[in-house]
């Protein structure tokens, strides 16, 4: 069992947090990751900055752009991941796009990920129909390749992702990009149910989750919640990270109690 899969114990709801690597700077980002790990986060998703982040909204786009200006490359991301892996036991997952992985070299990138302690990859622009080579390479290095599904996904796509995704399946709550939102789609429950009929993997919902009430609602229907943009906003507003810690604890409480 992978370190990611081991998070999903029966009846337990996973909290997955997203951070842009190197934002607002490397030291602050690592302090934020440690704070998340210490306050109830089960998996940390590390976003590799990319010049054309198609799946990301304004908050993460801005963070990615700033990180690139600071010289954060995939190589730097691997170095930071290694430093984090030495500090915390929380599984680390890279969220990136296919171009940086392809440019680095699939074998070299996956081998490097395994060496520094990264447990999995999320690549939003890699369709499962075209993922065979990376799937084989990630398996070779014991990495989980996590695929995404959206409410617009066909039954055929759901079945394909259910056959291929490892660790968990990332369910996009709505058609669009990442970003904190006040409300979540009312049809989210039926979407999760559709996937549940075909998939045995844990199902985690991301995109738009910005408060404990939303997290608690998702905990009633899914196996995990993914939060990103709101965390970055809190880091920007409060460098002491007190707000980030309090918010993370409130999410953990909502997931544990199933609040709506």
C-alpha atoms as a PDB file:
ATOM      1  CA  UNK A   1       0.000   0.000   0.000  1.00  0.00           C
ATOM      2  CA  UNK A   2       1.346   3.434  -0.929  1.00  0.00           C
ATOM      3  CA  UNK A   3       1.753   6.205   1.635  1.00  0.00           C
ATOM      4  CA  UNK A   4      -1.105   8.026  -0.099  1.00  0.00           C
ATOM      5  CA  UNK A   5      -3.482   5.066  -0.031  1.00  0.00           C
ATOM      6  CA  UNK A   6      -2.700   4.454   3.644  1.00  0.00           C
ATOM      7  CA  UNK A   7      -4.200   7.848   4.514  1.00  0.00           C
ATOM      8  CA  UNK A   8      -7.691   6.673   3.607  1.00  0.00           C
ATOM      9  CA  UNK A   9      -8.707   4.619   6.612  1.00  0.00           C
ATOM     10  CA  UNK A  10     -12.310   3.403   6.912  1.00  0.00           C
ATOM     11  CA  UNK A  11     -14.553   6.239   8.048  1.00  0.00           C
ATOM     12  CA  UNK A  12     -11.736   8.801   8.013  1.00  0.00           C
ATOM     13  CA  UNK A  13     -11.905  11.881   5.786  1.00  0.00           C
ATOM     14  CA  UNK A  14      -8.614  13.114   4.342  1.00  0.00           C
ATOM     15  CA  UNK A  15      -7.587  16.754   4.258  1.00  0.00           C
ATOM     16  CA  UNK A  16      -5.369  17.573   1.287  1.00  0.00           C
ATOM     17  CA  UNK A  17      -3.706  20.979   1.048  1.00  0.00           C
ATOM     18  CA  UNK A  18      -2.179  22.717  -1.970  1.00  0.00           C
ATOM     19  CA  UNK A  19       0.823  25.049  -1.852  1.00  0.00           C
ATOM     20  CA  UNK A  20       2.725  26.629  -4.731  1.00  0.00           C
ATOM     21  CA  UNK A  21       6.363  25.626  -4.326  1.00  0.00           C
ATOM     22  CA  UNK A  22       8.558  28.612  -3.482  1.00  0.00           C
ATOM     23  CA  UNK A  23       5.708  31.049  -2.802  1.00  0.00           C
ATOM     24  CA  UNK A  24       5.819  33.556  -1.245  1.00  0.00           C
ATOM     25  CA  UNK A  25       9.379  32.316  -0.827  1.00  0.00           C
ATOM     26  CA  UNK A  26      10.978  28.966  -0.111  1.00  0.00           C
ATOM     27  CA  UNK A  27      11.333  29.437   3.635  1.00  0.00           C
ATOM     28  CA  UNK A  28       7.798  30.742   4.148  1.00  0.00           C
ATOM     29  CA  UNK A  29       6.341  28.008   1.975  1.00  0.00           C
ATOM     30  CA  UNK A  30       8.117  25.304   3.960  1.00  0.00           C
ATOM     31  CA  UNK A  31       6.962  26.816   7.252  1.00  0.00           C
ATOM     32  CA  UNK A  32       3.416  26.751   5.866  1.00  0.00           C
ATOM     33  CA  UNK A  33       3.765  23.083   4.894  1.00  0.00           C
ATOM     34  CA  UNK A  34       4.964  22.185   8.392  1.00  0.00           C
ATOM     35  CA  UNK A  35       2.058  24.134   9.897  1.00  0.00           C
ATOM     36  CA  UNK A  36      -0.401  22.256   7.690  1.00  0.00           C
ATOM     37  CA  UNK A  37       1.102  18.909   8.662  1.00  0.00           C
ATOM     38  CA  UNK A  38       0.953  19.768  12.355  1.00  0.00           C
ATOM     39  CA  UNK A  39      -2.671  20.938  12.242  1.00  0.00           C
ATOM     40  CA  UNK A  40      -4.496  18.062  10.609  1.00  0.00           C
ATOM     41  CA  UNK A  41      -3.454  17.935   6.965  1.00  0.00           C
ATOM     42  CA  UNK A  42      -2.999  14.395   5.612  1.00  0.00           C
ATOM     43  CA  UNK A  43      -1.443  15.005   2.183  1.00  0.00           C
ATOM     44  CA  UNK A  44       0.332  18.095   0.841  1.00  0.00           C
ATOM     45  CA  UNK A  45       0.047  18.877  -2.838  1.00  0.00           C
ATOM     46  CA  UNK A  46       3.070  20.842  -4.072  1.00  0.00           C
ATOM     47  CA  UNK A  47       2.381  22.916  -7.155  1.00  0.00           C
ATOM     48  CA  UNK A  48       5.312  23.217  -9.554  1.00  0.00           C
ATOM     49  CA  UNK A  49       5.164  26.742 -11.043  1.00  0.00           C
ATOM     50  CA  UNK A  50       4.340  26.775 -14.748  1.00  0.00           C
ATOM     51  CA  UNK A  51       3.957  29.638 -17.213  1.00  0.00           C
ATOM     52  CA  UNK A  52       0.603  28.433 -18.555  1.00  0.00           C
ATOM     53  CA  UNK A  53      -1.377  26.902 -15.653  1.00  0.00           C
ATOM     54  CA  UNK A  54      -4.628  26.216 -17.512  1.00  0.00           C
ATOM     55  CA  UNK A  55      -6.470  24.619 -14.585  1.00  0.00           C
ATOM     56  CA  UNK A  56      -5.643  27.329 -12.072  1.00  0.00           C
ATOM     57  CA  UNK A  57      -7.542  30.461 -11.133  1.00  0.00           C
ATOM     58  CA  UNK A  58      -6.212  33.929 -10.349  1.00  0.00           C
ATOM     59  CA  UNK A  59      -4.806  33.194  -6.873  1.00  0.00           C
ATOM     60  CA  UNK A  60      -2.669  30.238  -7.899  1.00  0.00           C
ATOM     61  CA  UNK A  61      -1.737  31.834 -11.235  1.00  0.00           C
ATOM     62  CA  UNK A  62      -0.349  34.840  -9.375  1.00  0.00           C
ATOM     63  CA  UNK A  63       1.547  32.614  -6.941  1.00  0.00           C
ATOM     64  CA  UNK A  64       2.960  30.547  -9.794  1.00  0.00           C
ATOM     65  CA  UNK A  65       4.042  33.655 -11.705  1.00  0.00           C
ATOM     66  CA  UNK A  66       5.803  35.068  -8.653  1.00  0.00           C
ATOM     67  CA  UNK A  67       7.547  31.761  -7.944  1.00  0.00           C
ATOM     68  CA  UNK A  68       8.821  31.660 -11.519  1.00  0.00           C
ATOM     69  CA  UNK A  69      10.162  35.195 -11.086  1.00  0.00           C
ATOM     70  CA  UNK A  70      12.026  33.962  -8.006  1.00  0.00           C
ATOM     71  CA  UNK A  71      13.689  31.258 -10.101  1.00  0.00           C
ATOM     72  CA  UNK A  72      11.686  28.255  -8.935  1.00  0.00           C
ATOM     73  CA  UNK A  73      12.266  25.479 -11.487  1.00  0.00           C
ATOM     74  CA  UNK A  74      11.336  21.778 -11.369  1.00  0.00           C
ATOM     75  CA  UNK A  75      14.855  21.103 -10.080  1.00  0.00           C
ATOM     76  CA  UNK A  76      14.360  23.602  -7.272  1.00  0.00           C
ATOM     77  CA  UNK A  77      10.975  22.017  -6.514  1.00  0.00           C
ATOM     78  CA  UNK A  78      12.631  18.636  -6.108  1.00  0.00           C
ATOM     79  CA  UNK A  79      15.190  20.135  -3.726  1.00  0.00           C
ATOM     80  CA  UNK A  80      12.465  21.809  -1.646  1.00  0.00           C
ATOM     81  CA  UNK A  81      10.412  18.600  -1.597  1.00  0.00           C
ATOM     82  CA  UNK A  82      13.450  16.746  -0.272  1.00  0.00           C
ATOM     83  CA  UNK A  83      13.907  19.322   2.480  1.00  0.00           C
ATOM     84  CA  UNK A  84      10.225  19.040   3.415  1.00  0.00           C
ATOM     85  CA  UNK A  85      10.319  15.247   3.404  1.00  0.00           C
ATOM     86  CA  UNK A  86      13.036  15.431   6.047  1.00  0.00           C
ATOM     87  CA  UNK A  87      10.857  17.672   8.228  1.00  0.00           C
ATOM     88  CA  UNK A  88       7.433  16.019   8.016  1.00  0.00           C
ATOM     89  CA  UNK A  89       6.027  12.526   7.474  1.00  0.00           C
ATOM     90  CA  UNK A  90       2.998  13.797   5.533  1.00  0.00           C
ATOM     91  CA  UNK A  91       2.867  12.331   1.987  1.00  0.00           C
ATOM     92  CA  UNK A  92       3.881  14.830  -0.709  1.00  0.00           C
ATOM     93  CA  UNK A  93       2.330  14.969  -4.164  1.00  0.00           C
ATOM     94  CA  UNK A  94       3.510  17.124  -7.061  1.00  0.00           C
ATOM     95  CA  UNK A  95       0.818  18.963  -9.017  1.00  0.00           C
ATOM     96  CA  UNK A  96       2.238  20.013 -12.346  1.00  0.00           C
ATOM     97  CA  UNK A  97       1.571  20.086 -16.066  1.00  0.00           C
ATOM     98  CA  UNK A  98       2.851  17.640 -18.617  1.00  0.00           C
ATOM     99  CA  UNK A  99       5.270  19.999 -20.370  1.00  0.00           C
ATOM    100  CA  UNK A 100       7.678  20.419 -17.396  1.00  0.00           C
ATOM    101  CA  UNK A 101       7.676  16.657 -16.808  1.00  0.00           C
ATOM    102  CA  UNK A 102       8.275  15.896 -20.491  1.00  0.00           C
ATOM    103  CA  UNK A 103      11.036  18.517 -20.698  1.00  0.00           C
ATOM    104  CA  UNK A 104      12.754  17.103 -17.605  1.00  0.00           C
ATOM    105  CA  UNK A 105      12.414  13.574 -18.986  1.00  0.00           C
ATOM    106  CA  UNK A 106       9.793  11.132 -17.701  1.00  0.00           C
ATOM    107  CA  UNK A 107      12.291   8.608 -16.335  1.00  0.00           C
ATOM    108  CA  UNK A 108      14.564  11.230 -14.791  1.00  0.00           C
ATOM    109  CA  UNK A 109      11.667  13.126 -13.236  1.00  0.00           C
ATOM    110  CA  UNK A 110       9.989  10.087 -11.720  1.00  0.00           C
ATOM    111  CA  UNK A 111      13.274   8.711 -10.414  1.00  0.00           C
ATOM    112  CA  UNK A 112      14.065  12.093  -8.851  1.00  0.00           C
ATOM    113  CA  UNK A 113      10.606  12.269  -7.270  1.00  0.00           C
ATOM    114  CA  UNK A 114      11.090   8.877  -5.665  1.00  0.00           C
ATOM    115  CA  UNK A 115      14.562   9.819  -4.424  1.00  0.00           C
ATOM    116  CA  UNK A 116      13.404  13.012  -2.682  1.00  0.00           C
ATOM    117  CA  UNK A 117      10.327  11.474  -1.062  1.00  0.00           C
ATOM    118  CA  UNK A 118       7.472  12.543  -3.347  1.00  0.00           C
ATOM    119  CA  UNK A 119       4.705   9.927  -3.354  1.00  0.00           C
ATOM    120  CA  UNK A 120       2.576  10.863  -6.354  1.00  0.00           C
ATOM    121  CA  UNK A 121       1.809  13.116  -9.317  1.00  0.00           C
ATOM    122  CA  UNK A 122      -1.266  15.077 -10.390  1.00  0.00           C
ATOM    123  CA  UNK A 123      -1.114  16.336 -13.980  1.00  0.00           C
ATOM    124  CA  UNK A 124      -4.361  18.084 -14.983  1.00  0.00           C
ATOM    125  CA  UNK A 125      -3.579  18.351 -18.692  1.00  0.00           C
ATOM    126  CA  UNK A 126      -2.641  14.682 -19.144  1.00  0.00           C
ATOM    127  CA  UNK A 127      -5.712  12.774 -20.393  1.00  0.00           C
ATOM    128  CA  UNK A 128      -5.843   9.123 -19.336  1.00  0.00           C
ATOM    129  CA  UNK A 129      -6.008   8.100 -22.992  1.00  0.00           C
ATOM    130  CA  UNK A 130      -2.445   9.439 -23.407  1.00  0.00           C
ATOM    131  CA  UNK A 131      -0.924   8.525 -20.057  1.00  0.00           C
ATOM    132  CA  UNK A 132       0.378   5.012 -20.725  1.00  0.00           C
ATOM    133  CA  UNK A 133       4.076   5.916 -20.819  1.00  0.00           C
ATOM    134  CA  UNK A 134       3.959   8.005 -17.655  1.00  0.00           C
ATOM    135  CA  UNK A 135       1.801   5.384 -15.932  1.00  0.00           C
ATOM    136  CA  UNK A 136       4.458   2.756 -16.588  1.00  0.00           C
ATOM    137  CA  UNK A 137       7.240   5.038 -15.385  1.00  0.00           C
ATOM    138  CA  UNK A 138       5.429   6.030 -12.197  1.00  0.00           C
ATOM    139  CA  UNK A 139       4.705   2.391 -11.383  1.00  0.00           C
ATOM    140  CA  UNK A 140       8.372   1.559 -11.868  1.00  0.00           C
ATOM    141  CA  UNK A 141       9.270   4.137  -9.212  1.00  0.00           C
ATOM    142  CA  UNK A 142       6.326   3.394  -6.883  1.00  0.00           C
ATOM    143  CA  UNK A 143       4.623   6.736  -7.491  1.00  0.00           C
ATOM    144  CA  UNK A 144       0.858   7.173  -7.634  1.00  0.00           C
ATOM    145  CA  UNK A 145      -0.392   8.869 -10.812  1.00  0.00           C
ATOM    146  CA  UNK A 146      -3.629  10.572  -9.831  1.00  0.00           C
ATOM    147  CA  UNK A 147      -6.135  11.417 -12.555  1.00  0.00           C
ATOM    148  CA  UNK A 148      -8.886  14.031 -12.495  1.00  0.00           C
ATOM    149  CA  UNK A 149     -12.584  13.853 -13.335  1.00  0.00           C
ATOM    150  CA  UNK A 150     -15.030  16.726 -13.853  1.00  0.00           C
ATOM    151  CA  UNK A 151     -18.834  16.838 -13.660  1.00  0.00           C
ATOM    152  CA  UNK A 152     -18.816  16.903 -17.458  1.00  0.00           C
ATOM    153  CA  UNK A 153     -16.853  13.618 -17.691  1.00  0.00           C
ATOM    154  CA  UNK A 154     -18.565  10.920 -19.715  1.00  0.00           C
ATOM    155  CA  UNK A 155     -19.301   7.461 -18.366  1.00  0.00           C
ATOM    156  CA  UNK A 156     -16.499   6.165 -20.606  1.00  0.00           C
ATOM    157  CA  UNK A 157     -13.999   8.642 -19.140  1.00  0.00           C
ATOM    158  CA  UNK A 158     -15.064   7.794 -15.600  1.00  0.00           C
ATOM    159  CA  UNK A 159     -14.538   4.092 -16.275  1.00  0.00           C
ATOM    160  CA  UNK A 160     -11.116   4.760 -17.822  1.00  0.00           C
ATOM    161  CA  UNK A 161      -9.929   6.879 -14.889  1.00  0.00           C
ATOM    162  CA  UNK A 162     -11.290   4.295 -12.457  1.00  0.00           C
ATOM    163  CA  UNK A 163      -9.114   1.716 -14.192  1.00  0.00           C
ATOM    164  CA  UNK A 164      -5.965   3.863 -14.203  1.00  0.00           C
ATOM    165  CA  UNK A 165      -5.811   6.299 -11.281  1.00  0.00           C
ATOM    166  CA  UNK A 166      -3.715   5.307  -8.273  1.00  0.00           C
ATOM    167  CA  UNK A 167      -3.813   6.672  -4.729  1.00  0.00           C
ATOM    168  CA  UNK A 168      -7.122   8.451  -5.178  1.00  0.00           C
ATOM    169  CA  UNK A 169      -9.248  10.107  -7.856  1.00  0.00           C
ATOM    170  CA  UNK A 170      -9.332  13.902  -7.933  1.00  0.00           C
ATOM    171  CA  UNK A 171     -12.892  15.101  -8.506  1.00  0.00           C
ATOM    172  CA  UNK A 172     -13.161  18.648  -9.811  1.00  0.00           C
ATOM    173  CA  UNK A 173     -16.240  20.123  -8.135  1.00  0.00           C
ATOM    174  CA  UNK A 174     -17.206  22.254 -11.129  1.00  0.00           C
ATOM    175  CA  UNK A 175     -16.306  22.978 -14.708  1.00  0.00           C
ATOM    176  CA  UNK A 176     -13.755  25.775 -14.556  1.00  0.00           C
ATOM    177  CA  UNK A 177     -10.539  26.654 -12.747  1.00  0.00           C
ATOM    178  CA  UNK A 178      -9.336  26.581  -9.162  1.00  0.00           C
ATOM    179  CA  UNK A 179     -10.299  29.346  -6.755  1.00  0.00           C
ATOM    180  CA  UNK A 180     -12.150  29.923  -3.490  1.00  0.00           C
ATOM    181  CA  UNK A 181     -15.917  30.187  -3.987  1.00  0.00           C
ATOM    182  CA  UNK A 182     -18.846  31.022  -1.744  1.00  0.00           C
ATOM    183  CA  UNK A 183     -21.003  28.108  -2.893  1.00  0.00           C
ATOM    184  CA  UNK A 184     -20.549  24.666  -4.398  1.00  0.00           C
ATOM    185  CA  UNK A 185     -22.744  23.129  -7.133  1.00  0.00           C
ATOM    186  CA  UNK A 186     -25.911  21.451  -5.835  1.00  0.00           C
ATOM    187  CA  UNK A 187     -25.335  18.527  -8.199  1.00  0.00           C
ATOM    188  CA  UNK A 188     -21.980  17.660  -6.600  1.00  0.00           C
ATOM    189  CA  UNK A 189     -23.505  14.734  -4.719  1.00  0.00           C
ATOM    190  CA  UNK A 190     -24.851  13.105  -7.858  1.00  0.00           C
ATOM    191  CA  UNK A 191     -21.457  13.536  -9.554  1.00  0.00           C
ATOM    192  CA  UNK A 192     -19.680  11.767  -6.688  1.00  0.00           C
ATOM    193  CA  UNK A 193     -22.285   9.015  -6.785  1.00  0.00           C
ATOM    194  CA  UNK A 194     -21.736   8.491 -10.523  1.00  0.00           C
ATOM    195  CA  UNK A 195     -18.020   8.011  -9.990  1.00  0.00           C
ATOM    196  CA  UNK A 196     -18.532   5.848  -6.920  1.00  0.00           C
ATOM    197  CA  UNK A 197     -20.486   3.357  -9.017  1.00  0.00           C
ATOM    198  CA  UNK A 198     -17.402   2.673 -11.154  1.00  0.00           C
ATOM    199  CA  UNK A 199     -14.401   3.419  -8.929  1.00  0.00           C
ATOM    200  CA  UNK A 200     -12.899   1.605  -5.960  1.00  0.00           C
ATOM    201  CA  UNK A 201     -10.333   4.306  -5.221  1.00  0.00           C
ATOM    202  CA  UNK A 202     -10.922   6.999  -2.614  1.00  0.00           C
ATOM    203  CA  UNK A 203     -12.640  10.063  -4.095  1.00  0.00           C
ATOM    204  CA  UNK A 204     -11.373  13.527  -3.145  1.00  0.00           C
ATOM    205  CA  UNK A 205     -13.066  16.763  -4.145  1.00  0.00           C
ATOM    206  CA  UNK A 206     -11.231  19.985  -4.989  1.00  0.00           C
ATOM    207  CA  UNK A 207     -11.730  23.358  -6.731  1.00  0.00           C
ATOM    208  CA  UNK A 208     -13.664  26.071  -4.940  1.00  0.00           C
ATOM    209  CA  UNK A 209     -13.622  24.868  -1.323  1.00  0.00           C
ATOM    210  CA  UNK A 210     -13.095  27.875   0.916  1.00  0.00           C
ATOM    211  CA  UNK A 211     -14.665  27.245   4.339  1.00  0.00           C
ATOM    212  CA  UNK A 212     -15.321  24.507   6.925  1.00  0.00           C
ATOM    213  CA  UNK A 213     -19.012  24.305   6.048  1.00  0.00           C
ATOM    214  CA  UNK A 214     -18.196  23.340   2.468  1.00  0.00           C
ATOM    215  CA  UNK A 215     -15.572  20.870   3.670  1.00  0.00           C
ATOM    216  CA  UNK A 216     -18.054  19.288   6.045  1.00  0.00           C
ATOM    217  CA  UNK A 217     -20.628  18.944   3.304  1.00  0.00           C
ATOM    218  CA  UNK A 218     -18.122  17.191   1.060  1.00  0.00           C
ATOM    219  CA  UNK A 219     -17.053  14.908   3.923  1.00  0.00           C
ATOM    220  CA  UNK A 220     -20.544  13.442   3.904  1.00  0.00           C
ATOM    221  CA  UNK A 221     -20.260  12.280   0.291  1.00  0.00           C
ATOM    222  CA  UNK A 222     -16.535  11.888  -0.501  1.00  0.00           C
ATOM    223  CA  UNK A 223     -13.371  10.505   1.088  1.00  0.00           C
ATOM    224  CA  UNK A 224     -11.321  13.677   1.124  1.00  0.00           C
ATOM    225  CA  UNK A 225     -11.279  17.423   0.560  1.00  0.00           C
ATOM    226  CA  UNK A 226      -8.646  19.408  -1.369  1.00  0.00           C
ATOM    227  CA  UNK A 227      -8.093  23.078  -0.480  1.00  0.00           C
ATOM    228  CA  UNK A 228      -5.638  25.399  -2.205  1.00  0.00           C
ATOM    229  CA  UNK A 229      -6.470  28.979  -3.127  1.00  0.00           C
ATOM    230  CA  UNK A 230      -7.880  29.861   0.292  1.00  0.00           C
ATOM    231  CA  UNK A 231      -4.692  28.630   1.971  1.00  0.00           C
ATOM    232  CA  UNK A 232      -2.533  30.777  -0.275  1.00  0.00           C
ATOM    233  CA  UNK A 233      -4.715  33.805   0.491  1.00  0.00           C
ATOM    234  CA  UNK A 234      -4.255  33.236   4.219  1.00  0.00           C
ATOM    235  CA  UNK A 235      -0.487  32.927   3.842  1.00  0.00           C
ATOM    236  CA  UNK A 236      -0.447  36.215   1.912  1.00  0.00           C
ATOM    237  CA  UNK A 237      -2.506  38.036   4.570  1.00  0.00           C
ATOM    238  CA  UNK A 238      -0.820  36.679   7.691  1.00  0.00           C
ATOM    239  CA  UNK A 239       2.886  35.898   7.559  1.00  0.00           C
ATOM    240  CA  UNK A 240       2.769  34.595  11.134  1.00  0.00           C
ATOM    241  CA  UNK A 241       0.671  31.686   9.786  1.00  0.00           C
ATOM    242  CA  UNK A 242      -1.674  31.915  12.782  1.00  0.00           C
ATOM    243  CA  UNK A 243      -4.652  32.298  10.438  1.00  0.00           C
ATOM    244  CA  UNK A 244      -3.504  29.344   8.337  1.00  0.00           C
ATOM    245  CA  UNK A 245      -3.180  27.132  11.408  1.00  0.00           C
ATOM    246  CA  UNK A 246      -6.598  28.131  12.755  1.00  0.00           C
ATOM    247  CA  UNK A 247      -8.263  27.598   9.381  1.00  0.00           C
ATOM    248  CA  UNK A 248      -6.634  24.184   8.938  1.00  0.00           C
ATOM    249  CA  UNK A 249      -7.823  23.111  12.377  1.00  0.00           C
ATOM    250  CA  UNK A 250     -11.335  24.284  11.530  1.00  0.00           C
ATOM    251  CA  UNK A 251     -11.295  22.184   8.348  1.00  0.00           C
ATOM    252  CA  UNK A 252     -10.043  19.161  10.274  1.00  0.00           C
ATOM    253  CA  UNK A 253     -12.828  19.584  12.827  1.00  0.00           C
ATOM    254  CA  UNK A 254     -15.449  19.871  10.066  1.00  0.00           C
ATOM    255  CA  UNK A 255     -14.197  16.729   8.363  1.00  0.00           C
ATOM    256  CA  UNK A 256     -14.105  14.785  11.609  1.00  0.00           C
ATOM    257  CA  UNK A 257     -17.612  15.805  12.593  1.00  0.00           C
ATOM    258  CA  UNK A 258     -19.203  15.883   9.118  1.00  0.00           C
ATOM    259  CA  UNK A 259     -20.578  19.380   9.680  1.00  0.00           C
ATOM    260  CA  UNK A 260     -22.641  20.980   6.915  1.00  0.00           C
END
